[in-house]
Amino acid sequence: MARVVVDVMPKPEILDPQGKAVTGALARLGFAGMSVRQGKRFELEFDGEVTEERLAEVRRAAETLLANTVIETFDVRVEPTPESAGAVDEAQNSQAGNNQAENNKAENNKAENSKADGSEAKSAEEAELAARAG
């Protein structure tokens, strides 16, 4: 199943009272330096592949119903489906697991090397003390 997303935002010259309210609330909560504009997101799912004809149909729907083109802009894009995104997530998680295993090996090797260095240092110290005493 294919997914097309239509993001609708107020035009830059249009006041955005909801965005202003969120901006003010974030500032009061300590999230300074942020400016918010609030929009809408529509997800349309289709059986089969998304063709140029299908995208043109979605653009017509956005112009007709989803966005008020006098005061809003919209963007139409194809988004990966949850199934394919899940496969990507699994691959990323597998790679992350491999990276973690490699990091753990490196840490263990570092710890073993440091133990070995420590025991050699102790042996050298003991030999030096024995030489001084003897």
N, C-alpha and C. Protein backbone atom coordinates (compact mmCIF):
# COMPACT_ATOMS: atom_id res chain seq x y z
N MET A 1 0.85 -1.18 0.00
CA MET A 1 0.00 0.00 0.00
C MET A 1 0.89 1.24 0.00
N ALA A 2 0.59 2.18 -0.84
CA ALA A 2 1.38 3.41 -0.97
C ALA A 2 0.74 4.53 -0.16
N ARG A 3 1.58 5.43 0.33
CA ARG A 3 1.08 6.57 1.12
C ARG A 3 1.57 7.87 0.51
N VAL A 4 0.64 8.79 0.34
CA VAL A 4 0.96 10.14 -0.11
C VAL A 4 0.58 11.09 1.01
N VAL A 5 1.46 12.03 1.32
CA VAL A 5 1.22 12.98 2.39
C VAL A 5 1.05 14.37 1.79
N VAL A 6 0.04 15.07 2.27
CA VAL A 6 -0.18 16.46 1.88
C VAL A 6 -0.01 17.30 3.14
N ASP A 7 1.03 18.15 3.14
CA ASP A 7 1.27 19.07 4.25
C ASP A 7 0.71 20.43 3.85
N VAL A 8 -0.14 20.99 4.70
CA VAL A 8 -0.77 22.28 4.44
C VAL A 8 -0.32 23.25 5.53
N MET A 9 0.17 24.43 5.09
CA MET A 9 0.65 25.45 6.03
C MET A 9 0.07 26.80 5.65
N PRO A 10 -0.13 27.67 6.65
CA PRO A 10 -0.55 29.04 6.32
C PRO A 10 0.55 29.73 5.50
N LYS A 11 0.16 30.56 4.56
CA LYS A 11 1.15 31.33 3.81
C LYS A 11 1.92 32.22 4.77
N PRO A 12 3.18 32.54 4.46
CA PRO A 12 3.99 33.33 5.39
C PRO A 12 3.38 34.68 5.77
N GLU A 13 2.64 35.29 4.86
CA GLU A 13 2.08 36.62 5.15
C GLU A 13 0.77 36.54 5.95
N ILE A 14 0.27 35.35 6.18
CA ILE A 14 -0.98 35.17 6.93
C ILE A 14 -0.66 34.99 8.41
N LEU A 15 -1.40 35.68 9.27
CA LEU A 15 -1.24 35.52 10.71
C LEU A 15 -1.60 34.10 11.10
N ASP A 16 -0.89 33.58 12.10
CA ASP A 16 -1.11 32.21 12.57
C ASP A 16 -1.33 32.24 14.08
N PRO A 17 -2.57 32.51 14.54
CA PRO A 17 -2.80 32.63 15.97
C PRO A 17 -2.49 31.35 16.75
N GLN A 18 -2.76 30.19 16.17
CA GLN A 18 -2.44 28.94 16.88
C GLN A 18 -0.93 28.78 17.03
N GLY A 19 -0.20 29.08 15.97
CA GLY A 19 1.26 29.02 16.05
C GLY A 19 1.81 29.99 17.07
N LYS A 20 1.25 31.20 17.13
CA LYS A 20 1.69 32.20 18.12
C LYS A 20 1.42 31.71 19.54
N ALA A 21 0.26 31.08 19.76
CA ALA A 21 -0.07 30.56 21.08
C ALA A 21 0.91 29.46 21.50
N VAL A 22 1.25 28.59 20.58
CA VAL A 22 2.20 27.51 20.88
C VAL A 22 3.59 28.11 21.12
N THR A 23 3.99 29.09 20.34
CA THR A 23 5.28 29.76 20.52
C THR A 23 5.37 30.36 21.92
N GLY A 24 4.29 31.05 22.35
CA GLY A 24 4.27 31.65 23.69
C GLY A 24 4.33 30.60 24.79
N ALA A 25 3.60 29.51 24.62
CA ALA A 25 3.60 28.45 25.63
C ALA A 25 4.99 27.80 25.74
N LEU A 26 5.64 27.58 24.61
CA LEU A 26 6.98 27.00 24.65
C LEU A 26 7.95 27.93 25.38
N ALA A 27 7.85 29.23 25.12
CA ALA A 27 8.73 30.20 25.79
C ALA A 27 8.50 30.17 27.30
N ARG A 28 7.25 30.09 27.71
CA ARG A 28 6.94 30.05 29.16
C ARG A 28 7.45 28.77 29.80
N LEU A 29 7.59 27.71 29.01
CA LEU A 29 8.09 26.44 29.53
C LEU A 29 9.62 26.34 29.46
N GLY A 30 10.26 27.42 28.99
CA GLY A 30 11.71 27.45 28.95
C GLY A 30 12.31 27.09 27.60
N PHE A 31 11.49 26.91 26.58
CA PHE A 31 11.99 26.61 25.24
C PHE A 31 12.06 27.90 24.44
N ALA A 32 13.08 28.69 24.72
CA ALA A 32 13.21 30.00 24.09
C ALA A 32 13.82 29.88 22.70
N GLY A 33 13.62 30.91 21.90
CA GLY A 33 14.24 30.97 20.59
C GLY A 33 13.56 30.15 19.52
N MET A 34 12.33 29.71 19.78
CA MET A 34 11.59 28.92 18.79
C MET A 34 10.40 29.72 18.30
N SER A 35 10.10 29.56 17.03
CA SER A 35 8.92 30.19 16.45
C SER A 35 8.12 29.10 15.76
N VAL A 36 6.84 28.99 16.06
CA VAL A 36 6.01 27.90 15.55
C VAL A 36 4.97 28.44 14.58
N ARG A 37 4.78 27.71 13.49
CA ARG A 37 3.64 27.91 12.59
C ARG A 37 2.94 26.57 12.53
N GLN A 38 1.66 26.58 12.76
CA GLN A 38 0.91 25.34 12.83
C GLN A 38 0.16 25.09 11.53
N GLY A 39 0.23 23.84 11.07
CA GLY A 39 -0.44 23.47 9.83
C GLY A 39 -1.22 22.18 9.99
N LYS A 40 -1.49 21.55 8.86
CA LYS A 40 -2.24 20.29 8.83
C LYS A 40 -1.48 19.27 8.01
N ARG A 41 -1.67 18.01 8.32
CA ARG A 41 -1.06 16.91 7.58
C ARG A 41 -2.16 15.93 7.22
N PHE A 42 -2.23 15.60 5.93
CA PHE A 42 -3.19 14.61 5.45
C PHE A 42 -2.41 13.43 4.90
N GLU A 43 -2.79 12.21 5.28
CA GLU A 43 -2.18 11.00 4.76
C GLU A 43 -3.21 10.27 3.91
N LEU A 44 -2.87 10.05 2.65
CA LEU A 44 -3.75 9.33 1.74
C LEU A 44 -3.08 8.02 1.37
N GLU A 45 -3.79 6.92 1.53
CA GLU A 45 -3.23 5.61 1.21
C GLU A 45 -3.89 5.05 -0.03
N PHE A 46 -3.08 4.41 -0.87
CA PHE A 46 -3.55 3.86 -2.13
C PHE A 46 -3.09 2.43 -2.28
N ASP A 47 -3.92 1.62 -2.94
CA ASP A 47 -3.49 0.28 -3.33
C ASP A 47 -2.60 0.43 -4.56
N GLY A 48 -1.55 -0.34 -4.62
CA GLY A 48 -0.67 -0.28 -5.78
C GLY A 48 0.34 0.84 -5.69
N GLU A 49 0.97 1.12 -6.82
CA GLU A 49 2.01 2.14 -6.88
C GLU A 49 1.41 3.53 -7.05
N VAL A 50 2.18 4.52 -6.65
CA VAL A 50 1.78 5.91 -6.84
C VAL A 50 2.35 6.36 -8.18
N THR A 51 1.47 6.68 -9.10
CA THR A 51 1.88 7.13 -10.42
C THR A 51 1.79 8.65 -10.51
N GLU A 52 2.32 9.22 -11.58
CA GLU A 52 2.21 10.67 -11.79
C GLU A 52 0.74 11.08 -11.89
N GLU A 53 -0.08 10.24 -12.51
CA GLU A 53 -1.51 10.55 -12.63
C GLU A 53 -2.16 10.59 -11.24
N ARG A 54 -1.76 9.65 -10.39
CA ARG A 54 -2.32 9.60 -9.02
C ARG A 54 -1.88 10.84 -8.25
N LEU A 55 -0.62 11.25 -8.40
CA LEU A 55 -0.13 12.45 -7.71
C LEU A 55 -0.85 13.70 -8.21
N ALA A 56 -1.12 13.76 -9.50
CA ALA A 56 -1.86 14.90 -10.06
C ALA A 56 -3.27 14.95 -9.46
N GLU A 57 -3.87 13.78 -9.27
CA GLU A 57 -5.20 13.70 -8.66
C GLU A 57 -5.16 14.19 -7.22
N VAL A 58 -4.12 13.83 -6.48
CA VAL A 58 -3.96 14.28 -5.10
C VAL A 58 -3.78 15.80 -5.06
N ARG A 59 -3.00 16.34 -6.00
CA ARG A 59 -2.81 17.80 -6.05
C ARG A 59 -4.13 18.52 -6.31
N ARG A 60 -4.95 17.96 -7.21
CA ARG A 60 -6.28 18.56 -7.46
C ARG A 60 -7.15 18.50 -6.21
N ALA A 61 -7.08 17.38 -5.47
CA ALA A 61 -7.85 17.25 -4.23
C ALA A 61 -7.37 18.27 -3.20
N ALA A 62 -6.06 18.47 -3.13
CA ALA A 62 -5.52 19.45 -2.18
C ALA A 62 -5.98 20.86 -2.53
N GLU A 63 -5.94 21.20 -3.82
CA GLU A 63 -6.39 22.53 -4.26
C GLU A 63 -7.87 22.73 -4.04
N THR A 64 -8.66 21.66 -4.18
CA THR A 64 -10.11 21.76 -4.10
C THR A 64 -10.63 21.71 -2.67
N LEU A 65 -10.06 20.80 -1.85
CA LEU A 65 -10.65 20.56 -0.53
C LEU A 65 -9.67 20.68 0.63
N LEU A 66 -8.49 20.12 0.49
CA LEU A 66 -7.60 20.00 1.64
C LEU A 66 -6.97 21.32 2.07
N ALA A 67 -6.74 22.21 1.12
CA ALA A 67 -6.11 23.50 1.44
C ALA A 67 -6.96 24.63 0.90
N ASN A 68 -6.98 25.74 1.63
CA ASN A 68 -7.58 26.97 1.15
C ASN A 68 -6.45 27.75 0.50
N THR A 69 -6.33 27.65 -0.81
CA THR A 69 -5.16 28.19 -1.50
C THR A 69 -5.07 29.71 -1.46
N VAL A 70 -6.08 30.38 -0.97
CA VAL A 70 -6.01 31.83 -0.80
C VAL A 70 -5.08 32.16 0.36
N ILE A 71 -5.13 31.36 1.43
CA ILE A 71 -4.34 31.65 2.63
C ILE A 71 -3.36 30.54 3.00
N GLU A 72 -3.36 29.40 2.27
CA GLU A 72 -2.51 28.27 2.63
C GLU A 72 -1.72 27.77 1.41
N THR A 73 -0.56 27.21 1.72
CA THR A 73 0.22 26.50 0.71
C THR A 73 0.18 25.02 1.04
N PHE A 74 0.49 24.17 0.06
CA PHE A 74 0.53 22.74 0.35
C PHE A 74 1.68 22.10 -0.40
N ASP A 75 2.10 20.96 0.13
CA ASP A 75 3.17 20.18 -0.47
C ASP A 75 2.71 18.73 -0.53
N VAL A 76 2.86 18.10 -1.68
CA VAL A 76 2.47 16.70 -1.86
C VAL A 76 3.74 15.88 -1.99
N ARG A 77 3.84 14.80 -1.21
CA ARG A 77 5.01 13.93 -1.29
C ARG A 77 4.63 12.49 -1.02
N VAL A 78 5.39 11.59 -1.58
CA VAL A 78 5.19 10.16 -1.35
C VAL A 78 6.02 9.79 -0.12
N GLU A 79 5.42 9.06 0.79
CA GLU A 79 6.10 8.65 2.02
C GLU A 79 6.24 7.14 2.02
N PRO A 80 7.34 6.63 2.56
CA PRO A 80 7.48 5.17 2.65
C PRO A 80 6.35 4.58 3.49
N THR A 81 5.88 3.43 3.10
CA THR A 81 4.82 2.78 3.85
C THR A 81 5.37 2.21 5.15
N PRO A 82 4.52 1.98 6.15
CA PRO A 82 5.01 1.42 7.41
C PRO A 82 5.73 0.09 7.23
N GLU A 83 5.29 -0.73 6.26
CA GLU A 83 5.94 -2.02 6.05
C GLU A 83 7.38 -1.82 5.61
N SER A 84 7.60 -0.95 4.62
CA SER A 84 8.96 -0.73 4.14
C SER A 84 9.77 0.05 5.18
N ALA A 85 9.12 0.94 5.90
CA ALA A 85 9.81 1.67 6.97
C ALA A 85 10.23 0.70 8.06
N GLY A 86 9.39 -0.30 8.36
CA GLY A 86 9.73 -1.32 9.35
C GLY A 86 10.95 -2.10 8.94
N ALA A 87 11.06 -2.42 7.65
CA ALA A 87 12.23 -3.14 7.16
C ALA A 87 13.47 -2.27 7.31
N VAL A 88 13.33 -0.98 7.04
CA VAL A 88 14.46 -0.06 7.20
C VAL A 88 14.83 0.02 8.67
N ASP A 89 13.83 0.14 9.56
CA ASP A 89 14.09 0.20 11.00
C ASP A 89 14.81 -1.05 11.47
N GLU A 90 14.37 -2.23 11.00
CA GLU A 90 15.01 -3.48 11.40
C GLU A 90 16.47 -3.49 10.97
N ALA A 91 16.73 -3.04 9.75
CA ALA A 91 18.11 -3.00 9.26
C ALA A 91 18.94 -2.03 10.09
N GLN A 92 18.36 -0.86 10.42
CA GLN A 92 19.09 0.11 11.22
C GLN A 92 19.33 -0.43 12.63
N ASN A 93 18.32 -1.09 13.22
CA ASN A 93 18.49 -1.66 14.56
C ASN A 93 19.54 -2.76 14.55
N SER A 94 19.56 -3.57 13.49
CA SER A 94 20.56 -4.62 13.38
C SER A 94 21.95 -4.02 13.31
N GLN A 95 22.10 -2.97 12.49
CA GLN A 95 23.39 -2.31 12.37
C GLN A 95 23.78 -1.68 13.70
N ALA A 96 22.81 -1.07 14.39
CA ALA A 96 23.10 -0.46 15.70
C ALA A 96 23.55 -1.53 16.69
N GLY A 97 22.91 -2.71 16.64
CA GLY A 97 23.32 -3.81 17.51
C GLY A 97 24.73 -4.27 17.20
N ASN A 98 25.05 -4.34 15.90
CA ASN A 98 26.42 -4.72 15.51
C ASN A 98 27.42 -3.69 16.00
N ASN A 99 27.08 -2.41 15.86
CA ASN A 99 27.98 -1.34 16.32
C ASN A 99 28.18 -1.42 17.82
N GLN A 100 27.11 -1.71 18.56
CA GLN A 100 27.21 -1.81 20.02
C GLN A 100 28.09 -2.99 20.41
N ALA A 101 27.94 -4.11 19.70
CA ALA A 101 28.77 -5.28 19.98
C ALA A 101 30.24 -4.96 19.72
N GLU A 102 30.52 -4.24 18.63
CA GLU A 102 31.90 -3.85 18.33
C GLU A 102 32.43 -2.90 19.40
N ASN A 103 31.60 -1.97 19.85
CA ASN A 103 32.02 -1.05 20.92
C ASN A 103 32.31 -1.82 22.21
N ASN A 104 31.46 -2.80 22.53
CA ASN A 104 31.68 -3.60 23.73
C ASN A 104 32.99 -4.37 23.64
N LYS A 105 33.28 -4.95 22.46
CA LYS A 105 34.55 -5.67 22.26
C LYS A 105 35.73 -4.73 22.48
N ALA A 106 35.62 -3.54 21.90
CA ALA A 106 36.71 -2.57 22.03
C ALA A 106 36.93 -2.20 23.49
N GLU A 107 35.84 -1.99 24.22
CA GLU A 107 35.95 -1.65 25.64
C GLU A 107 36.58 -2.80 26.43
N ASN A 108 36.16 -4.04 26.13
CA ASN A 108 36.73 -5.20 26.81
C ASN A 108 38.22 -5.32 26.51
N ASN A 109 38.61 -5.12 25.24
CA ASN A 109 40.02 -5.18 24.88
C ASN A 109 40.81 -4.10 25.60
N LYS A 110 40.23 -2.91 25.67
CA LYS A 110 40.90 -1.80 26.35
C LYS A 110 41.09 -2.14 27.83
N ALA A 111 40.05 -2.72 28.45
CA ALA A 111 40.14 -3.09 29.86
C ALA A 111 41.20 -4.17 30.07
N GLU A 112 41.23 -5.17 29.18
CA GLU A 112 42.23 -6.24 29.30
C GLU A 112 43.63 -5.68 29.12
N ASN A 113 43.80 -4.78 28.13
CA ASN A 113 45.11 -4.18 27.90
C ASN A 113 45.54 -3.36 29.10
N SER A 114 44.60 -2.65 29.70
CA SER A 114 44.95 -1.83 30.85
C SER A 114 45.30 -2.71 32.04
N LYS A 115 44.63 -3.87 32.19
CA LYS A 115 44.98 -4.81 33.25
C LYS A 115 46.38 -5.35 33.02
N ALA A 116 46.65 -5.71 31.76
CA ALA A 116 47.97 -6.25 31.43
C ALA A 116 49.04 -5.19 31.69
N ASP A 117 48.79 -3.96 31.28
CA ASP A 117 49.74 -2.89 31.51
C ASP A 117 49.95 -2.68 33.00
N GLY A 118 48.88 -2.79 33.77
CA GLY A 118 48.96 -2.61 35.22
C GLY A 118 49.78 -3.70 35.87
N SER A 119 49.58 -4.96 35.45
CA SER A 119 50.33 -6.06 36.06
C SER A 119 51.79 -5.97 35.68
N GLU A 120 52.10 -5.56 34.43
CA GLU A 120 53.49 -5.40 34.03
C GLU A 120 54.14 -4.28 34.84
N ALA A 121 53.39 -3.22 35.06
CA ALA A 121 53.92 -2.10 35.83
C ALA A 121 54.20 -2.54 37.26
N LYS A 122 53.27 -3.33 37.83
CA LYS A 122 53.50 -3.81 39.20
C LYS A 122 54.72 -4.70 39.25
N SER A 123 54.87 -5.58 38.26
CA SER A 123 56.03 -6.47 38.23
C SER A 123 57.31 -5.68 38.12
N ALA A 124 57.31 -4.64 37.31
CA ALA A 124 58.50 -3.80 37.15
C ALA A 124 58.81 -3.08 38.46
N GLU A 125 57.76 -2.58 39.11
CA GLU A 125 57.94 -1.90 40.40
C GLU A 125 58.49 -2.86 41.44
N GLU A 126 57.92 -4.08 41.48
CA GLU A 126 58.37 -5.08 42.45
C GLU A 126 59.84 -5.44 42.20
N ALA A 127 60.20 -5.57 40.91
CA ALA A 127 61.60 -5.92 40.59
C ALA A 127 62.53 -4.80 40.99
N GLU A 128 62.11 -3.54 40.79
CA GLU A 128 62.93 -2.41 41.17
C GLU A 128 63.10 -2.35 42.68
N LEU A 129 62.00 -2.57 43.42
CA LEU A 129 62.07 -2.57 44.88
C LEU A 129 62.97 -3.70 45.38
N ALA A 130 62.83 -4.84 44.74
CA ALA A 130 63.67 -5.99 45.15
C ALA A 130 65.15 -5.69 44.88
N ALA A 131 65.42 -5.03 43.75
CA ALA A 131 66.81 -4.70 43.43
C ALA A 131 67.37 -3.71 44.43
N ARG A 132 66.57 -2.74 44.84
CA ARG A 132 67.04 -1.76 45.81
C ARG A 132 67.28 -2.40 47.18
N ALA A 133 66.37 -3.31 47.55
CA ALA A 133 66.46 -3.95 48.87
C ALA A 133 67.64 -4.92 48.89
N GLY A 134 67.94 -5.55 47.77
CA GLY A 134 68.92 -6.61 47.71
C GLY A 134 70.27 -6.13 47.52
